[in-house]
PDB file of all heavy atoms in Angstrom:
ATOM      1  N   MET A   1      13.583 -65.895 -38.060  1.00  0.00           N
ATOM      2  CA  MET A   1      12.182 -65.730 -38.399  1.00  0.00           C
ATOM      3  C   MET A   1      11.655 -67.093 -38.815  1.00  0.00           C
ATOM      4  O   MET A   1      12.402 -67.932 -39.301  1.00  0.00           O
ATOM      5  CB  MET A   1      11.983 -64.715 -39.522  1.00  0.00           C
ATOM      6  CG  MET A   1      12.404 -63.301 -39.153  1.00  0.00           C
ATOM      7  SD  MET A   1      12.088 -62.085 -40.458  1.00  0.00           S
ATOM      8  CE  MET A   1      10.294 -61.949 -40.354  1.00  0.00           C
ATOM      9  N   GLY A   2      10.370 -67.280 -38.616  1.00  0.00           N
ATOM     10  CA  GLY A   2       9.808 -68.572 -38.943  1.00  0.00           C
ATOM     11  C   GLY A   2       8.329 -68.520 -39.233  1.00  0.00           C
ATOM     12  O   GLY A   2       7.678 -67.480 -39.083  1.00  0.00           O
ATOM     13  N   TRP A   3       7.831 -69.663 -39.658  1.00  0.00           N
ATOM     14  CA  TRP A   3       6.422 -69.829 -39.958  1.00  0.00           C
ATOM     15  C   TRP A   3       5.824 -70.917 -39.095  1.00  0.00           C
ATOM     16  O   TRP A   3       6.422 -71.986 -38.929  1.00  0.00           O
ATOM     17  CB  TRP A   3       6.212 -70.189 -41.431  1.00  0.00           C
ATOM     18  CG  TRP A   3       6.532 -69.080 -42.375  1.00  0.00           C
ATOM     19  CD1 TRP A   3       7.698 -68.862 -43.034  1.00  0.00           C
ATOM     20  CD2 TRP A   3       5.644 -68.028 -42.762  1.00  0.00           C
ATOM     21  NE1 TRP A   3       7.603 -67.734 -43.816  1.00  0.00           N
ATOM     22  CE2 TRP A   3       6.350 -67.202 -43.664  1.00  0.00           C
ATOM     23  CE3 TRP A   3       4.327 -67.701 -42.438  1.00  0.00           C
ATOM     24  CZ2 TRP A   3       5.784 -66.069 -44.252  1.00  0.00           C
ATOM     25  CZ3 TRP A   3       3.765 -66.576 -43.011  1.00  0.00           C
ATOM     26  CH2 TRP A   3       4.490 -65.780 -43.907  1.00  0.00           C
ATOM     27  N   TYR A   4       4.661 -70.648 -38.553  1.00  0.00           N
ATOM     28  CA  TYR A   4       3.879 -71.602 -37.797  1.00  0.00           C
ATOM     29  C   TYR A   4       2.486 -71.650 -38.408  1.00  0.00           C
ATOM     30  O   TYR A   4       2.070 -70.725 -39.097  1.00  0.00           O
ATOM     31  CB  TYR A   4       3.785 -71.194 -36.327  1.00  0.00           C
ATOM     32  CG  TYR A   4       5.108 -71.230 -35.589  1.00  0.00           C
ATOM     33  CD1 TYR A   4       6.095 -70.283 -35.838  1.00  0.00           C
ATOM     34  CD2 TYR A   4       5.360 -72.208 -34.639  1.00  0.00           C
ATOM     35  CE1 TYR A   4       7.305 -70.308 -35.170  1.00  0.00           C
ATOM     36  CE2 TYR A   4       6.566 -72.244 -33.952  1.00  0.00           C
ATOM     37  CZ  TYR A   4       7.533 -71.296 -34.220  1.00  0.00           C
ATOM     38  OH  TYR A   4       8.724 -71.327 -33.546  1.00  0.00           O
ATOM     39  N   ARG A   5       1.775 -72.717 -38.143  1.00  0.00           N
ATOM     40  CA  ARG A   5       0.423 -72.805 -38.664  1.00  0.00           C
ATOM     41  C   ARG A   5      -0.503 -73.430 -37.636  1.00  0.00           C
ATOM     42  O   ARG A   5      -0.078 -74.181 -36.767  1.00  0.00           O
ATOM     43  CB  ARG A   5       0.375 -73.608 -39.968  1.00  0.00           C
ATOM     44  CG  ARG A   5       0.651 -75.097 -39.816  1.00  0.00           C
ATOM     45  CD  ARG A   5       0.669 -75.777 -41.167  1.00  0.00           C
ATOM     46  NE  ARG A   5       0.839 -77.215 -41.058  1.00  0.00           N
ATOM     47  CZ  ARG A   5       0.961 -78.030 -42.094  1.00  0.00           C
ATOM     48  NH1 ARG A   5       0.931 -77.545 -43.334  1.00  0.00           N
ATOM     49  NH2 ARG A   5       1.108 -79.332 -41.901  1.00  0.00           N
ATOM     50  N   GLN A   6      -1.770 -73.097 -37.757  1.00  0.00           N
ATOM     51  CA  GLN A   6      -2.775 -73.630 -36.865  1.00  0.00           C
ATOM     52  C   GLN A   6      -4.021 -73.976 -37.664  1.00  0.00           C
ATOM     53  O   GLN A   6      -4.665 -73.099 -38.229  1.00  0.00           O
ATOM     54  CB  GLN A   6      -3.118 -72.645 -35.751  1.00  0.00           C
ATOM     55  CG  GLN A   6      -4.042 -73.214 -34.690  1.00  0.00           C
ATOM     56  CD  GLN A   6      -4.098 -72.345 -33.449  1.00  0.00           C
ATOM     57  OE1 GLN A   6      -3.804 -71.148 -33.503  1.00  0.00           O
ATOM     58  NE2 GLN A   6      -4.460 -72.936 -32.325  1.00  0.00           N
ATOM     59  N   ALA A   7      -4.327 -75.256 -37.703  1.00  0.00           N
ATOM     60  CA  ALA A   7      -5.525 -75.738 -38.365  1.00  0.00           C
ATOM     61  C   ALA A   7      -6.677 -75.736 -37.365  1.00  0.00           C
ATOM     62  O   ALA A   7      -6.456 -75.789 -36.152  1.00  0.00           O
ATOM     63  CB  ALA A   7      -5.304 -77.139 -38.916  1.00  0.00           C
ATOM     64  N   PRO A   8      -7.912 -75.687 -37.849  1.00  0.00           N
ATOM     65  CA  PRO A   8      -9.064 -75.697 -36.939  1.00  0.00           C
ATOM     66  C   PRO A   8      -9.034 -76.889 -35.991  1.00  0.00           C
ATOM     67  O   PRO A   8      -8.871 -78.028 -36.423  1.00  0.00           O
ATOM     68  CB  PRO A   8     -10.261 -75.775 -37.886  1.00  0.00           C
ATOM     69  CG  PRO A   8      -9.777 -75.138 -39.145  1.00  0.00           C
ATOM     70  CD  PRO A   8      -8.335 -75.564 -39.257  1.00  0.00           C
ATOM     71  N   GLY A   9      -9.180 -76.614 -34.706  1.00  0.00           N
ATOM     72  CA  GLY A   9      -9.212 -77.662 -33.709  1.00  0.00           C
ATOM     73  C   GLY A   9      -7.868 -78.261 -33.356  1.00  0.00           C
ATOM     74  O   GLY A   9      -7.811 -79.237 -32.600  1.00  0.00           O
ATOM     75  N   LYS A  10      -6.793 -77.701 -33.892  1.00  0.00           N
ATOM     76  CA  LYS A  10      -5.465 -78.238 -33.621  1.00  0.00           C
ATOM     77  C   LYS A  10      -4.551 -77.187 -33.009  1.00  0.00           C
ATOM     78  O   LYS A  10      -4.843 -75.996 -33.032  1.00  0.00           O
ATOM     79  CB  LYS A  10      -4.838 -78.793 -34.902  1.00  0.00           C
ATOM     80  CG  LYS A  10      -5.550 -80.009 -35.459  1.00  0.00           C
ATOM     81  CD  LYS A  10      -4.748 -80.658 -36.565  1.00  0.00           C
ATOM     82  CE  LYS A  10      -5.390 -81.946 -37.029  1.00  0.00           C
ATOM     83  NZ  LYS A  10      -4.574 -82.627 -38.062  1.00  0.00           N
ATOM     84  N   GLN A  11      -3.440 -77.660 -32.468  1.00  0.00           N
ATOM     85  CA  GLN A  11      -2.454 -76.782 -31.862  1.00  0.00           C
ATOM     86  C   GLN A  11      -1.635 -76.072 -32.932  1.00  0.00           C
ATOM     87  O   GLN A  11      -1.481 -76.564 -34.044  1.00  0.00           O
ATOM     88  CB  GLN A  11      -1.515 -77.585 -30.958  1.00  0.00           C
ATOM     89  CG  GLN A  11      -2.194 -78.285 -29.794  1.00  0.00           C
ATOM     90  CD  GLN A  11      -1.238 -79.176 -29.046  1.00  0.00           C
ATOM     91  OE1 GLN A  11      -0.456 -79.918 -29.640  1.00  0.00           O
ATOM     92  NE2 GLN A  11      -1.283 -79.112 -27.724  1.00  0.00           N
ATOM     93  N   ARG A  12      -1.117 -74.919 -32.566  1.00  0.00           N
ATOM     94  CA  ARG A  12      -0.202 -74.235 -33.457  1.00  0.00           C
ATOM     95  C   ARG A  12       1.113 -75.016 -33.513  1.00  0.00           C
ATOM     96  O   ARG A  12       1.637 -75.442 -32.482  1.00  0.00           O
ATOM     97  CB  ARG A  12       0.046 -72.805 -32.970  1.00  0.00           C
ATOM     98  CG  ARG A  12       0.870 -71.968 -33.922  1.00  0.00           C
ATOM     99  CD  ARG A  12       0.949 -70.511 -33.475  1.00  0.00           C
ATOM    100  NE  ARG A  12      -0.365 -69.881 -33.428  1.00  0.00           N
ATOM    101  CZ  ARG A  12      -0.553 -68.580 -33.244  1.00  0.00           C
ATOM    102  NH1 ARG A  12       0.479 -67.766 -33.100  1.00  0.00           N
ATOM    103  NH2 ARG A  12      -1.792 -68.098 -33.194  1.00  0.00           N
ATOM    104  N   GLU A  13       1.636 -75.202 -34.706  1.00  0.00           N
ATOM    105  CA  GLU A  13       2.830 -76.005 -34.874  1.00  0.00           C
ATOM    106  C   GLU A  13       3.863 -75.304 -35.750  1.00  0.00           C
ATOM    107  O   GLU A  13       3.524 -74.493 -36.613  1.00  0.00           O
ATOM    108  CB  GLU A  13       2.485 -77.366 -35.487  1.00  0.00           C
ATOM    109  CG  GLU A  13       1.893 -77.279 -36.884  1.00  0.00           C
ATOM    110  CD  GLU A  13       1.585 -78.635 -37.495  1.00  0.00           C
ATOM    111  OE1 GLU A  13       1.944 -79.662 -36.879  1.00  0.00           O
ATOM    112  OE2 GLU A  13       0.981 -78.670 -38.582  1.00  0.00           O
ATOM    113  N   LEU A  14       5.099 -75.655 -35.525  1.00  0.00           N
ATOM    114  CA  LEU A  14       6.193 -75.114 -36.325  1.00  0.00           C
ATOM    115  C   LEU A  14       6.140 -75.671 -37.738  1.00  0.00           C
ATOM    116  O   LEU A  14       5.974 -76.873 -37.938  1.00  0.00           O
ATOM    117  CB  LEU A  14       7.532 -75.468 -35.684  1.00  0.00           C
ATOM    118  CG  LEU A  14       8.777 -75.150 -36.521  1.00  0.00           C
ATOM    119  CD1 LEU A  14       8.978 -73.645 -36.619  1.00  0.00           C
ATOM    120  CD2 LEU A  14      10.007 -75.818 -35.924  1.00  0.00           C
ATOM    121  N   VAL A  15       6.300 -74.798 -38.712  1.00  0.00           N
ATOM    122  CA  VAL A  15       6.424 -75.198 -40.100  1.00  0.00           C
ATOM    123  C   VAL A  15       7.891 -75.147 -40.519  1.00  0.00           C
ATOM    124  O   VAL A  15       8.462 -76.135 -40.971  1.00  0.00           O
ATOM    125  CB  VAL A  15       5.580 -74.306 -41.024  1.00  0.00           C
ATOM    126  CG1 VAL A  15       5.825 -74.669 -42.489  1.00  0.00           C
ATOM    127  CG2 VAL A  15       4.103 -74.433 -40.682  1.00  0.00           C
ATOM    128  N   ALA A  16       8.491 -73.982 -40.361  1.00  0.00           N
ATOM    129  CA  ALA A  16       9.889 -73.802 -40.725  1.00  0.00           C
ATOM    130  C   ALA A  16      10.443 -72.567 -40.038  1.00  0.00           C
ATOM    131  O   ALA A  16       9.702 -71.647 -39.701  1.00  0.00           O
ATOM    132  CB  ALA A  16      10.060 -73.687 -42.239  1.00  0.00           C
ATOM    133  N   ARG A  17      11.742 -72.544 -39.862  1.00  0.00           N
ATOM    134  CA  ARG A  17      12.419 -71.440 -39.203  1.00  0.00           C
ATOM    135  C   ARG A  17      13.768 -71.243 -39.863  1.00  0.00           C
ATOM    136  O   ARG A  17      14.413 -72.200 -40.289  1.00  0.00           O
ATOM    137  CB  ARG A  17      12.577 -71.751 -37.713  1.00  0.00           C
ATOM    138  CG  ARG A  17      13.345 -70.740 -36.890  1.00  0.00           C
ATOM    139  CD  ARG A  17      13.346 -71.163 -35.429  1.00  0.00           C
ATOM    140  NE  ARG A  17      14.209 -70.346 -34.596  1.00  0.00           N
ATOM    141  CZ  ARG A  17      15.498 -70.589 -34.383  1.00  0.00           C
ATOM    142  NH1 ARG A  17      16.078 -71.634 -34.944  1.00  0.00           N
ATOM    143  NH2 ARG A  17      16.197 -69.790 -33.599  1.00  0.00           N
ATOM    144  N   ILE A  18      14.203 -69.995 -39.931  1.00  0.00           N
ATOM    145  CA  ILE A  18      15.498 -69.694 -40.529  1.00  0.00           C
ATOM    146  C   ILE A  18      16.190 -68.610 -39.719  1.00  0.00           C
ATOM    147  O   ILE A  18      15.576 -67.625 -39.307  1.00  0.00           O
ATOM    148  CB  ILE A  18      15.354 -69.280 -42.012  1.00  0.00           C
ATOM    149  CG1 ILE A  18      16.722 -69.136 -42.670  1.00  0.00           C
ATOM    150  CG2 ILE A  18      14.535 -68.004 -42.149  1.00  0.00           C
ATOM    151  CD1 ILE A  18      16.652 -69.027 -44.183  1.00  0.00           C
ATOM    152  N   THR A  19      17.476 -68.784 -39.475  1.00  0.00           N
ATOM    153  CA  THR A  19      18.255 -67.805 -38.737  1.00  0.00           C
ATOM    154  C   THR A  19      18.807 -66.762 -39.695  1.00  0.00           C
ATOM    155  O   THR A  19      18.743 -66.901 -40.916  1.00  0.00           O
ATOM    156  CB  THR A  19      19.411 -68.462 -37.978  1.00  0.00           C
ATOM    157  OG1 THR A  19      20.383 -68.947 -38.915  1.00  0.00           O
ATOM    158  CG2 THR A  19      18.911 -69.617 -37.127  1.00  0.00           C
ATOM    159  N   SER A  20      19.379 -65.717 -39.134  1.00  0.00           N
ATOM    160  CA  SER A  20      19.953 -64.659 -39.953  1.00  0.00           C
ATOM    161  C   SER A  20      21.137 -65.147 -40.782  1.00  0.00           C
ATOM    162  O   SER A  20      21.442 -64.555 -41.825  1.00  0.00           O
ATOM    163  CB  SER A  20      20.385 -63.478 -39.077  1.00  0.00           C
ATOM    164  OG  SER A  20      21.354 -63.878 -38.125  1.00  0.00           O
ATOM    165  N   SER A  21      21.784 -66.207 -40.337  1.00  0.00           N
ATOM    166  CA  SER A  21      22.914 -66.758 -41.066  1.00  0.00           C
ATOM    167  C   SER A  21      22.499 -67.798 -42.102  1.00  0.00           C
ATOM    168  O   SER A  21      23.333 -68.281 -42.859  1.00  0.00           O
ATOM    169  CB  SER A  21      23.921 -67.379 -40.100  1.00  0.00           C
ATOM    170  OG  SER A  21      23.351 -68.459 -39.396  1.00  0.00           O
ATOM    171  N   GLY A  22      21.221 -68.157 -42.114  1.00  0.00           N
ATOM    172  CA  GLY A  22      20.730 -69.071 -43.120  1.00  0.00           C
ATOM    173  C   GLY A  22      20.460 -70.490 -42.670  1.00  0.00           C
ATOM    174  O   GLY A  22      20.027 -71.318 -43.483  1.00  0.00           O
ATOM    175  N   SER A  23      20.704 -70.801 -41.413  1.00  0.00           N
ATOM    176  CA  SER A  23      20.398 -72.133 -40.910  1.00  0.00           C
ATOM    177  C   SER A  23      18.891 -72.332 -40.867  1.00  0.00           C
ATOM    178  O   SER A  23      18.155 -71.442 -40.455  1.00  0.00           O
ATOM    179  CB  SER A  23      20.985 -72.339 -39.518  1.00  0.00           C
ATOM    180  OG  SER A  23      22.394 -72.267 -39.548  1.00  0.00           O
ATOM    181  N   THR A  24      18.441 -73.504 -41.274  1.00  0.00           N
ATOM    182  CA  THR A  24      17.010 -73.773 -41.353  1.00  0.00           C
ATOM    183  C   THR A  24      16.596 -74.938 -40.483  1.00  0.00           C
ATOM    184  O   THR A  24      17.394 -75.822 -40.168  1.00  0.00           O
ATOM    185  CB  THR A  24      16.579 -74.055 -42.797  1.00  0.00           C
ATOM    186  OG1 THR A  24      17.322 -75.171 -43.307  1.00  0.00           O
ATOM    187  CG2 THR A  24      16.830 -72.846 -43.678  1.00  0.00           C
ATOM    188  N   ASN A  25      15.330 -74.926 -40.130  1.00  0.00           N
ATOM    189  CA  ASN A  25      14.732 -75.995 -39.344  1.00  0.00           C
ATOM    190  C   ASN A  25      13.312 -76.201 -39.857  1.00  0.00           C
ATOM    191  O   ASN A  25      12.542 -75.245 -39.934  1.00  0.00           O
ATOM    192  CB  ASN A  25      14.730 -75.632 -37.861  1.00  0.00           C
ATOM    193  CG  ASN A  25      14.193 -76.741 -36.990  1.00  0.00           C
ATOM    194  OD1 ASN A  25      14.396 -77.916 -37.282  1.00  0.00           O
ATOM    195  ND2 ASN A  25      13.515 -76.376 -35.914  1.00  0.00           N
ATOM    196  N   TYR A  26      12.986 -77.443 -40.210  1.00  0.00           N
ATOM    197  CA  TYR A  26      11.672 -77.763 -40.749  1.00  0.00           C
ATOM    198  C   TYR A  26      10.976 -78.820 -39.913  1.00  0.00           C
ATOM    199  O   TYR A  26      11.629 -79.670 -39.296  1.00  0.00           O
ATOM    200  CB  TYR A  26      11.780 -78.314 -42.174  1.00  0.00           C
ATOM    201  CG  TYR A  26      12.278 -77.353 -43.216  1.00  0.00           C
ATOM    202  CD1 TYR A  26      13.636 -77.240 -43.488  1.00  0.00           C
ATOM    203  CD2 TYR A  26      11.390 -76.578 -43.949  1.00  0.00           C
ATOM    204  CE1 TYR A  26      14.096 -76.371 -44.458  1.00  0.00           C
ATOM    205  CE2 TYR A  26      11.843 -75.711 -44.924  1.00  0.00           C
ATOM    206  CZ  TYR A  26      13.202 -75.614 -45.174  1.00  0.00           C
ATOM    207  OH  TYR A  26      13.652 -74.753 -46.146  1.00  0.00           O
ATOM    208  N   ALA A  27       9.673 -78.775 -39.937  1.00  0.00           N
ATOM    209  CA  ALA A  27       8.917 -79.907 -39.430  1.00  0.00           C
ATOM    210  C   ALA A  27       9.247 -81.108 -40.319  1.00  0.00           C
ATOM    211  O   ALA A  27       9.285 -80.975 -41.545  1.00  0.00           O
ATOM    212  CB  ALA A  27       7.425 -79.617 -39.465  1.00  0.00           C
ATOM    213  N   ASP A  28       9.499 -82.252 -39.700  1.00  0.00           N
ATOM    214  CA  ASP A  28       9.937 -83.423 -40.458  1.00  0.00           C
ATOM    215  C   ASP A  28       8.971 -83.795 -41.577  1.00  0.00           C
ATOM    216  O   ASP A  28       9.393 -84.191 -42.668  1.00  0.00           O
ATOM    217  CB  ASP A  28      10.120 -84.618 -39.524  1.00  0.00           C
ATOM    218  CG  ASP A  28      11.326 -84.475 -38.625  1.00  0.00           C
ATOM    219  OD1 ASP A  28      12.231 -83.681 -38.956  1.00  0.00           O
ATOM    220  OD2 ASP A  28      11.375 -85.168 -37.594  1.00  0.00           O
TER     221      ASP A  28
END
């Protein structure tokens, strides 16, 4: 599961993601 965001006039982008085992991935 993860979170994405979209600001006005911008593309939707990845914020953070986490797997069922706990591995995470963040926007730098």
